[in-house]
Amino acid sequence: MLHSLTRWFSRGTEFVAAAMLAALFLTFVVQIFSRYVLVQPFGWTLELCLTLWIWIVFWGNAFIVRDRDHVTFDILYLSLPRKPRQILALISAASIAIGLAVSFLPTWDYIDFLRIKKSATLKVPMRTIFSIYGVFLVVVALRYAWRFVDVLRNGPPDEDHVIHVGEEG
């Protein structure tokens, strides 16, 4: 049950990201058409592209990108025995979770302050545009808090440090 719920949630977040990418592409096409065919560029297309890009980046990093998808410099980490790797994994997970959690309230205070400003052409409150960063902070802090618990229970996550080589045909 939990596995199917997790899979459903994962697919849903991927669908939202794909929909935003499709909207970005279509907006970009409209922007090109208005600029080069109509010779009358629409200002809202640039602003919508930038807003969608912000949302795609933070949505994707909060919900879709896995730890093993990040570039890591782990030569020293992998050369250590299991216990020191566990300690380093605990320190890094705690540092990320605590750092993001501590930064949430001041960041949200500023994002909330942005409610008084609206975007130039879309007339959307800037708070709405940048609220995705607050979501990103909460989700990633929770992910790393969970990672801390997981490393305590199961040891260091070695599967994140596997070298993926192209598949043989």
Protein backbone atom coordinates (compact mmCIF):
# COMPACT_ATOMS: atom_id res chain seq x y z
CA MET A 1 0.00 0.00 0.00
CA LEU A 2 2.70 2.48 1.00
CA HIS A 3 4.81 1.50 -2.01
CA SER A 4 1.93 2.12 -4.44
CA LEU A 5 1.15 5.44 -2.73
CA THR A 6 4.80 6.47 -3.02
CA ARG A 7 4.86 5.46 -6.69
CA TRP A 8 1.62 7.38 -7.33
CA PHE A 9 3.02 10.49 -5.61
CA SER A 10 6.28 10.21 -7.57
CA ARG A 11 4.43 9.89 -10.87
CA GLY A 12 2.21 12.83 -9.94
CA THR A 13 5.17 15.10 -9.21
CA GLU A 14 6.80 14.02 -12.46
CA PHE A 15 3.55 14.78 -14.31
CA VAL A 16 3.42 18.29 -12.80
CA ALA A 17 7.05 18.90 -13.85
CA ALA A 18 6.34 17.59 -17.36
CA ALA A 19 3.27 19.83 -17.62
CA MET A 20 5.33 22.84 -16.58
CA LEU A 21 7.99 21.94 -19.16
CA ALA A 22 5.31 21.61 -21.85
CA ALA A 23 3.85 24.98 -20.85
CA LEU A 24 7.34 26.50 -20.96
CA PHE A 25 7.95 25.11 -24.44
CA LEU A 26 4.58 26.30 -25.76
CA THR A 27 5.09 29.74 -24.24
CA PHE A 28 8.53 29.89 -25.84
CA VAL A 29 7.01 29.00 -29.23
CA VAL A 30 4.40 31.77 -28.80
CA GLN A 31 7.22 34.15 -27.88
CA ILE A 32 9.15 33.30 -31.07
CA PHE A 33 5.99 33.59 -33.18
CA SER A 34 5.07 36.99 -31.72
CA ARG A 35 8.59 38.34 -32.10
CA TYR A 36 9.49 37.14 -35.57
CA VAL A 37 6.18 36.61 -37.35
CA LEU A 38 3.97 39.29 -35.84
CA VAL A 39 6.96 41.58 -35.18
CA GLN A 40 5.15 42.52 -31.99
CA PRO A 41 6.72 40.64 -29.03
CA PHE A 42 4.42 39.79 -26.15
CA GLY A 43 5.95 40.80 -22.82
CA TRP A 44 4.05 38.22 -20.82
CA THR A 45 5.73 35.32 -22.62
CA LEU A 46 9.17 36.17 -21.27
CA GLU A 47 7.82 36.61 -17.77
CA LEU A 48 5.87 33.34 -17.92
CA CYS A 49 8.95 31.49 -19.20
CA LEU A 50 11.03 32.84 -16.31
CA THR A 51 8.34 32.00 -13.75
CA LEU A 52 7.91 28.49 -15.10
CA TRP A 53 11.67 27.99 -15.07
CA ILE A 54 11.85 28.98 -11.38
CA TRP A 55 9.06 26.55 -10.58
CA ILE A 56 10.54 23.71 -12.65
CA VAL A 57 13.95 24.03 -10.97
CA PHE A 58 12.71 24.10 -7.39
CA TRP A 59 9.84 21.62 -7.94
CA GLY A 60 12.18 19.17 -9.63
CA ASN A 61 14.86 19.48 -6.97
CA ALA A 62 12.33 19.11 -4.17
CA PHE A 63 10.38 16.14 -5.52
CA ILE A 64 12.14 14.45 -8.42
CA VAL A 65 15.95 14.69 -8.27
CA ARG A 66 17.42 11.92 -6.11
CA ASP A 67 20.65 12.11 -4.14
CA ARG A 68 22.37 9.75 -6.56
CA ASP A 69 21.57 12.16 -9.42
CA HIS A 70 23.82 14.85 -7.95
CA VAL A 71 27.48 15.22 -8.82
CA THR A 72 29.55 14.19 -5.83
CA PHE A 73 33.22 14.31 -4.99
CA ASP A 74 33.32 11.18 -2.88
CA ILE A 75 36.75 9.63 -3.42
CA LEU A 76 37.79 10.19 0.20
CA TYR A 77 34.34 9.21 1.50
CA LEU A 78 34.38 5.90 -0.37
CA SER A 79 37.92 5.11 0.79
CA LEU A 80 36.86 5.19 4.45
CA PRO A 81 35.55 2.22 6.44
CA ARG A 82 31.80 1.89 7.05
CA LYS A 83 31.62 3.61 10.49
CA PRO A 84 33.42 6.85 9.48
CA ARG A 85 31.25 6.96 6.32
CA GLN A 86 28.18 6.67 8.53
CA ILE A 87 29.39 9.53 10.72
CA LEU A 88 30.06 11.73 7.68
CA ALA A 89 26.65 10.85 6.19
CA LEU A 90 24.98 11.74 9.51
CA ILE A 91 26.86 15.05 9.73
CA SER A 92 26.01 16.02 6.16
CA ALA A 93 22.32 15.01 6.44
CA ALA A 94 21.95 16.87 9.75
CA SER A 95 23.77 19.94 8.42
CA ILE A 96 21.55 20.17 5.37
CA ALA A 97 18.30 19.51 7.28
CA ILE A 98 19.15 21.97 10.06
CA GLY A 99 20.50 24.63 7.71
CA LEU A 100 17.39 24.57 5.54
CA ALA A 101 15.05 24.41 8.53
CA VAL A 102 16.74 27.36 10.24
CA SER A 103 16.61 29.40 7.04
CA PHE A 104 12.90 28.72 6.46
CA LEU A 105 11.33 31.40 8.69
CA PRO A 106 13.51 34.33 7.56
CA THR A 107 13.12 33.20 3.96
CA TRP A 108 9.36 32.82 4.26
CA ASP A 109 9.19 36.24 5.92
CA TYR A 110 10.75 37.76 2.80
CA ILE A 111 8.61 35.67 0.43
CA ASP A 112 5.51 36.81 2.34
CA PHE A 113 6.71 40.42 2.09
CA LEU A 114 6.68 40.02 -1.69
CA ARG A 115 2.85 39.86 -1.62
CA ILE A 116 2.85 43.65 -2.01
CA LYS A 117 4.60 43.40 -5.39
CA LYS A 118 3.13 41.98 -8.58
CA SER A 119 4.88 40.77 -11.68
CA ALA A 120 5.10 43.33 -14.46
CA THR A 121 2.89 41.75 -17.11
CA LEU A 122 1.21 38.73 -15.51
CA LYS A 123 0.01 40.73 -12.48
CA VAL A 124 0.68 37.73 -10.24
CA PRO A 125 1.87 38.44 -6.69
CA MET A 126 5.61 37.86 -6.42
CA ARG A 127 4.86 35.84 -3.26
CA THR A 128 3.06 33.30 -5.44
CA ILE A 129 5.95 33.12 -7.88
CA PHE A 130 8.60 32.61 -5.21
CA SER A 131 6.52 30.46 -2.84
CA ILE A 132 7.93 27.38 -4.53
CA TYR A 133 11.24 28.13 -2.81
CA GLY A 134 9.49 27.77 0.57
CA VAL A 135 8.10 24.41 -0.57
CA PHE A 136 11.61 23.42 -1.68
CA LEU A 137 13.08 24.33 1.73
CA VAL A 138 10.50 22.30 3.65
CA VAL A 139 10.59 19.24 1.41
CA VAL A 140 14.38 19.01 1.17
CA ALA A 141 14.78 19.60 4.94
CA LEU A 142 12.32 16.76 5.59
CA ARG A 143 14.08 14.51 3.07
CA TYR A 144 17.43 15.02 4.79
CA ALA A 145 15.91 14.61 8.26
CA TRP A 146 14.54 11.27 7.03
CA ARG A 147 17.95 10.46 5.52
CA PHE A 148 19.53 11.12 8.93
CA VAL A 149 17.14 8.62 10.55
CA ASP A 150 17.76 6.12 7.74
CA VAL A 151 21.55 6.38 8.11
CA LEU A 152 21.21 5.89 11.87
CA ARG A 153 19.15 2.73 11.31
CA ASN A 154 20.81 1.23 8.24
CA GLY A 155 24.27 2.74 7.93
CA PRO A 156 25.71 4.86 5.13
CA PRO A 157 23.87 4.97 1.79
CA ASP A 158 26.34 3.22 -0.51
CA GLU A 159 23.85 2.98 -3.41
CA ASP A 160 24.15 6.76 -3.92
CA HIS A 161 27.83 6.32 -4.77
CA VAL A 162 27.65 3.76 -7.55
CA ILE A 163 29.31 4.67 -10.82
CA HIS A 164 26.76 4.30 -13.62
CA VAL A 165 28.38 3.29 -16.88
CA GLY A 166 26.51 3.27 -20.22
CA GLU A 167 24.57 0.11 -20.89
CA GLU A 168 26.09 -2.49 -23.15
CA GLY A 169 23.97 -3.37 -26.20
